[in-house]
Every structure is written in structure tokens, then in C-alpha cells.
């Protein structure tokens, strides 16, 4: 490791299947094994394991989903760090 350089903070994004309540699906983020759901007021940690129907998506797809849901794209960079 290079001195002064830290590991890049990264999250993986998932999208749930569409439902009647959420026809575009829901956006999830995984950070260090912890799952967060994008709600209207920001990221909420989930107490349950990853939904089996949630599929991984690329960041570009997550950005498109944010636009569709009315969230600013910057919210993708504000996923909380997992606190165990």
C-alpha cells in the first residue's frame, strides 16, 4: 500500500424487481456486506438479507434509476459506510 493512499470507498448497486407500489423497482446499495435502501429521505439500512430478486446493476443504470425516481445522482456517492 502506498503511504497516504486509502482504499477507494465503493458500493455496489442492486435493483429490485418492479412491483405495483414501485413500478421502477427500488435501488439498493451494498457496502461491506451491509444493504441500504434508497428512500425518499436518503439511505436506510435494511435489517434483512439481500432480497433474492434484487439484481446487480452498473453505476450508469443506478444513475438512470435515480433520474427516473427523482433523486439527484449525487445520492449514489452518499451511501453510508457500514458501521458494525
N, C-alpha and C. Protein backbone atom coordinates (compact mmCIF):
# COMPACT_ATOMS: atom_id res chain seq x y z
N UNK A 1 0.85 -1.17 0.00
CA UNK A 1 0.00 0.00 0.00
C UNK A 1 0.89 1.24 0.00
N UNK A 2 0.51 2.21 -0.75
CA UNK A 2 1.25 3.46 -0.83
C UNK A 2 0.86 4.33 0.36
N UNK A 3 1.85 4.89 1.03
CA UNK A 3 1.59 5.71 2.20
C UNK A 3 0.71 6.90 1.84
N UNK A 4 -0.29 7.15 2.67
CA UNK A 4 -1.19 8.28 2.44
C UNK A 4 -2.34 7.98 1.49
N UNK A 5 -2.34 6.80 0.89
CA UNK A 5 -3.43 6.44 -0.02
C UNK A 5 -4.31 5.43 0.69
N UNK A 6 -5.57 5.72 0.73
CA UNK A 6 -6.50 4.80 1.36
C UNK A 6 -7.26 4.02 0.30
N UNK A 7 -7.88 2.99 0.73
CA UNK A 7 -8.66 2.17 -0.18
C UNK A 7 -9.87 2.96 -0.69
N UNK A 8 -10.18 2.81 -1.94
CA UNK A 8 -11.31 3.53 -2.52
C UNK A 8 -12.62 3.07 -1.88
N UNK A 9 -13.45 4.02 -1.53
CA UNK A 9 -14.76 3.72 -0.98
C UNK A 9 -15.67 3.34 -2.15
N UNK A 10 -16.25 2.18 -2.06
CA UNK A 10 -17.08 1.77 -3.18
C UNK A 10 -18.33 1.06 -2.68
N UNK A 11 -19.34 1.15 -3.46
CA UNK A 11 -20.57 0.43 -3.16
C UNK A 11 -21.04 -0.23 -4.44
N UNK A 12 -21.73 -1.31 -4.26
CA UNK A 12 -22.35 -2.00 -5.39
C UNK A 12 -23.83 -1.66 -5.36
N UNK A 13 -24.43 -1.57 -6.52
CA UNK A 13 -25.83 -1.21 -6.59
C UNK A 13 -26.65 -2.38 -7.10
N UNK A 14 -27.87 -2.48 -6.58
CA UNK A 14 -28.82 -3.52 -6.96
C UNK A 14 -30.15 -2.85 -7.25
N UNK A 15 -30.96 -3.54 -8.03
CA UNK A 15 -32.31 -3.04 -8.33
C UNK A 15 -33.29 -4.16 -8.06
N UNK A 16 -34.33 -3.84 -7.32
CA UNK A 16 -35.35 -4.85 -7.05
C UNK A 16 -36.28 -4.96 -8.25
N UNK A 17 -37.03 -6.02 -8.28
CA UNK A 17 -37.99 -6.20 -9.38
C UNK A 17 -39.12 -5.18 -9.22
N UNK A 18 -39.71 -4.77 -10.32
CA UNK A 18 -40.84 -3.83 -10.24
C UNK A 18 -42.03 -4.46 -9.51
N UNK A 19 -42.75 -3.62 -8.79
CA UNK A 19 -43.98 -4.04 -8.12
C UNK A 19 -45.04 -2.98 -8.43
N UNK A 20 -46.27 -3.23 -8.00
CA UNK A 20 -47.31 -2.22 -8.23
C UNK A 20 -46.97 -0.93 -7.49
N UNK A 21 -46.43 -1.05 -6.28
CA UNK A 21 -46.09 0.14 -5.49
C UNK A 21 -44.86 0.86 -6.04
N UNK A 22 -43.93 0.10 -6.61
CA UNK A 22 -42.69 0.66 -7.13
C UNK A 22 -42.44 0.11 -8.54
N UNK A 23 -43.12 0.66 -9.54
CA UNK A 23 -43.02 0.12 -10.90
C UNK A 23 -41.62 0.21 -11.51
N UNK A 24 -40.77 1.08 -10.99
CA UNK A 24 -39.39 1.16 -11.49
C UNK A 24 -38.46 0.28 -10.67
N UNK A 25 -38.98 -0.36 -9.64
CA UNK A 25 -38.14 -1.12 -8.73
C UNK A 25 -37.57 -0.19 -7.68
N UNK A 26 -36.78 -0.73 -6.77
CA UNK A 26 -36.12 0.06 -5.72
C UNK A 26 -34.63 -0.05 -5.90
N UNK A 27 -33.92 0.98 -5.51
CA UNK A 27 -32.46 0.99 -5.61
C UNK A 27 -31.86 0.61 -4.26
N UNK A 28 -30.98 -0.36 -4.29
CA UNK A 28 -30.27 -0.81 -3.10
C UNK A 28 -28.78 -0.58 -3.31
N UNK A 29 -28.06 -0.41 -2.22
CA UNK A 29 -26.61 -0.30 -2.28
C UNK A 29 -26.04 -1.26 -1.24
N UNK A 30 -24.92 -1.89 -1.58
CA UNK A 30 -24.25 -2.81 -0.67
C UNK A 30 -22.88 -2.23 -0.36
N UNK A 31 -22.61 -2.02 0.92
CA UNK A 31 -21.31 -1.51 1.37
C UNK A 31 -20.82 -2.46 2.46
N UNK A 32 -19.69 -3.09 2.23
CA UNK A 32 -19.10 -4.01 3.20
C UNK A 32 -20.11 -5.04 3.69
N UNK A 33 -20.94 -5.54 2.79
CA UNK A 33 -21.91 -6.56 3.13
C UNK A 33 -23.20 -6.04 3.74
N UNK A 34 -23.29 -4.76 4.03
CA UNK A 34 -24.50 -4.16 4.58
C UNK A 34 -25.34 -3.59 3.45
N UNK A 35 -26.65 -3.79 3.53
CA UNK A 35 -27.55 -3.36 2.45
C UNK A 35 -28.31 -2.11 2.89
N UNK A 36 -28.36 -1.15 1.97
CA UNK A 36 -29.10 0.10 2.20
C UNK A 36 -30.13 0.27 1.09
N UNK A 37 -31.29 0.79 1.46
CA UNK A 37 -32.38 1.06 0.54
C UNK A 37 -32.48 2.57 0.34
N UNK A 38 -32.58 3.01 -0.90
CA UNK A 38 -32.75 4.43 -1.17
C UNK A 38 -34.22 4.79 -0.96
N UNK A 39 -34.47 5.56 0.08
CA UNK A 39 -35.82 6.02 0.41
C UNK A 39 -35.94 7.49 0.03
N UNK A 40 -37.11 8.05 0.21
CA UNK A 40 -37.32 9.45 -0.18
C UNK A 40 -36.45 10.42 0.62
N UNK A 41 -36.03 10.02 1.82
CA UNK A 41 -35.21 10.90 2.66
C UNK A 41 -33.76 10.45 2.76
N UNK A 42 -33.33 9.57 1.89
CA UNK A 42 -31.93 9.12 1.89
C UNK A 42 -31.82 7.61 2.04
N UNK A 43 -30.65 7.16 2.43
CA UNK A 43 -30.36 5.73 2.53
C UNK A 43 -30.77 5.18 3.89
N UNK A 44 -31.55 4.10 3.88
CA UNK A 44 -31.96 3.42 5.11
C UNK A 44 -31.33 2.04 5.13
N UNK A 45 -30.72 1.66 6.27
CA UNK A 45 -30.15 0.31 6.35
C UNK A 45 -31.27 -0.72 6.43
N UNK A 46 -31.07 -1.85 5.79
CA UNK A 46 -32.04 -2.94 5.86
C UNK A 46 -31.58 -3.93 6.92
N UNK A 47 -32.52 -4.45 7.67
CA UNK A 47 -32.20 -5.44 8.70
C UNK A 47 -32.32 -6.86 8.15
N UNK A 48 -32.69 -6.97 6.90
CA UNK A 48 -32.88 -8.28 6.29
C UNK A 48 -31.76 -8.57 5.30
N UNK A 49 -31.57 -9.83 4.96
CA UNK A 49 -30.58 -10.14 3.93
C UNK A 49 -31.02 -9.61 2.57
N UNK A 50 -30.11 -9.66 1.63
CA UNK A 50 -30.40 -9.18 0.27
C UNK A 50 -31.61 -9.91 -0.30
N UNK A 51 -32.56 -9.16 -0.83
CA UNK A 51 -33.70 -9.81 -1.49
C UNK A 51 -33.21 -10.66 -2.66
N UNK A 52 -33.71 -11.87 -2.77
CA UNK A 52 -33.26 -12.77 -3.84
C UNK A 52 -33.57 -12.22 -5.23
N UNK A 53 -34.59 -11.40 -5.32
CA UNK A 53 -34.98 -10.88 -6.63
C UNK A 53 -34.19 -9.63 -7.03
N UNK A 54 -33.36 -9.09 -6.13
CA UNK A 54 -32.57 -7.90 -6.46
C UNK A 54 -31.39 -8.29 -7.33
N UNK A 55 -31.24 -7.60 -8.44
CA UNK A 55 -30.17 -7.92 -9.40
C UNK A 55 -29.13 -6.81 -9.43
N UNK A 56 -27.85 -7.19 -9.56
CA UNK A 56 -26.79 -6.17 -9.65
C UNK A 56 -26.97 -5.31 -10.90
N UNK A 57 -26.66 -4.01 -10.75
CA UNK A 57 -26.70 -3.10 -11.89
C UNK A 57 -25.43 -2.26 -11.90
N UNK A 58 -25.09 -1.74 -13.06
CA UNK A 58 -23.93 -0.86 -13.21
C UNK A 58 -24.27 0.52 -12.66
N UNK A 59 -23.25 1.29 -12.37
CA UNK A 59 -23.48 2.64 -11.86
C UNK A 59 -24.30 3.48 -12.84
N UNK A 60 -24.06 3.32 -14.13
CA UNK A 60 -24.82 4.10 -15.12
C UNK A 60 -26.31 3.77 -15.04
N UNK A 61 -26.63 2.51 -14.77
CA UNK A 61 -28.04 2.13 -14.60
C UNK A 61 -28.60 2.71 -13.31
N UNK A 62 -27.77 2.75 -12.26
CA UNK A 62 -28.20 3.35 -10.99
C UNK A 62 -28.46 4.84 -11.18
N UNK A 63 -27.62 5.51 -11.97
CA UNK A 63 -27.83 6.93 -12.26
C UNK A 63 -29.15 7.14 -13.00
N UNK A 64 -29.41 6.30 -13.98
CA UNK A 64 -30.66 6.41 -14.74
C UNK A 64 -31.87 6.18 -13.83
N UNK A 65 -31.74 5.22 -12.92
CA UNK A 65 -32.84 4.94 -11.99
C UNK A 65 -33.05 6.12 -11.05
N UNK A 66 -31.97 6.74 -10.59
CA UNK A 66 -32.10 7.94 -9.74
C UNK A 66 -32.86 9.04 -10.47
N UNK A 67 -32.50 9.27 -11.72
CA UNK A 67 -33.20 10.30 -12.51
C UNK A 67 -34.68 9.96 -12.63
N UNK A 68 -34.97 8.70 -12.89
CA UNK A 68 -36.36 8.28 -13.06
C UNK A 68 -37.15 8.43 -11.76
N UNK A 69 -36.48 8.18 -10.63
CA UNK A 69 -37.16 8.26 -9.33
C UNK A 69 -37.15 9.67 -8.75
N UNK A 70 -36.44 10.61 -9.41
CA UNK A 70 -36.41 11.98 -8.94
C UNK A 70 -35.36 12.28 -7.89
N UNK A 71 -34.35 11.42 -7.77
CA UNK A 71 -33.25 11.65 -6.82
C UNK A 71 -32.07 12.26 -7.57
N UNK A 72 -31.31 13.13 -6.92
CA UNK A 72 -30.09 13.64 -7.56
C UNK A 72 -29.06 12.51 -7.67
N UNK A 73 -28.28 12.52 -8.73
CA UNK A 73 -27.30 11.46 -8.95
C UNK A 73 -26.26 11.42 -7.83
N UNK A 74 -25.99 12.56 -7.21
CA UNK A 74 -25.02 12.62 -6.12
C UNK A 74 -25.37 11.72 -4.94
N UNK A 75 -26.63 11.31 -4.84
CA UNK A 75 -27.03 10.43 -3.74
C UNK A 75 -26.28 9.09 -3.82
N UNK A 76 -25.82 8.72 -5.01
CA UNK A 76 -25.08 7.46 -5.17
C UNK A 76 -23.74 7.51 -4.45
N UNK A 77 -23.21 8.71 -4.26
CA UNK A 77 -21.93 8.87 -3.57
C UNK A 77 -22.11 9.11 -2.07
N UNK A 78 -23.34 9.12 -1.60
CA UNK A 78 -23.59 9.40 -0.19
C UNK A 78 -24.11 8.19 0.57
N UNK A 79 -23.85 7.00 0.05
CA UNK A 79 -24.25 5.78 0.77
C UNK A 79 -23.41 5.72 2.05
N UNK A 80 -24.05 5.53 3.21
CA UNK A 80 -23.28 5.49 4.46
C UNK A 80 -22.28 4.34 4.45
N UNK A 81 -21.20 4.53 5.18
CA UNK A 81 -20.25 3.43 5.37
C UNK A 81 -20.86 2.48 6.38
N UNK A 82 -20.64 1.20 6.17
CA UNK A 82 -21.18 0.21 7.09
C UNK A 82 -20.55 0.39 8.46
N UNK A 83 -21.37 0.42 9.49
CA UNK A 83 -20.86 0.56 10.86
C UNK A 83 -21.28 -0.66 11.67
N UNK A 84 -20.33 -1.48 11.96
CA UNK A 84 -20.62 -2.71 12.71
C UNK A 84 -20.22 -2.56 14.15
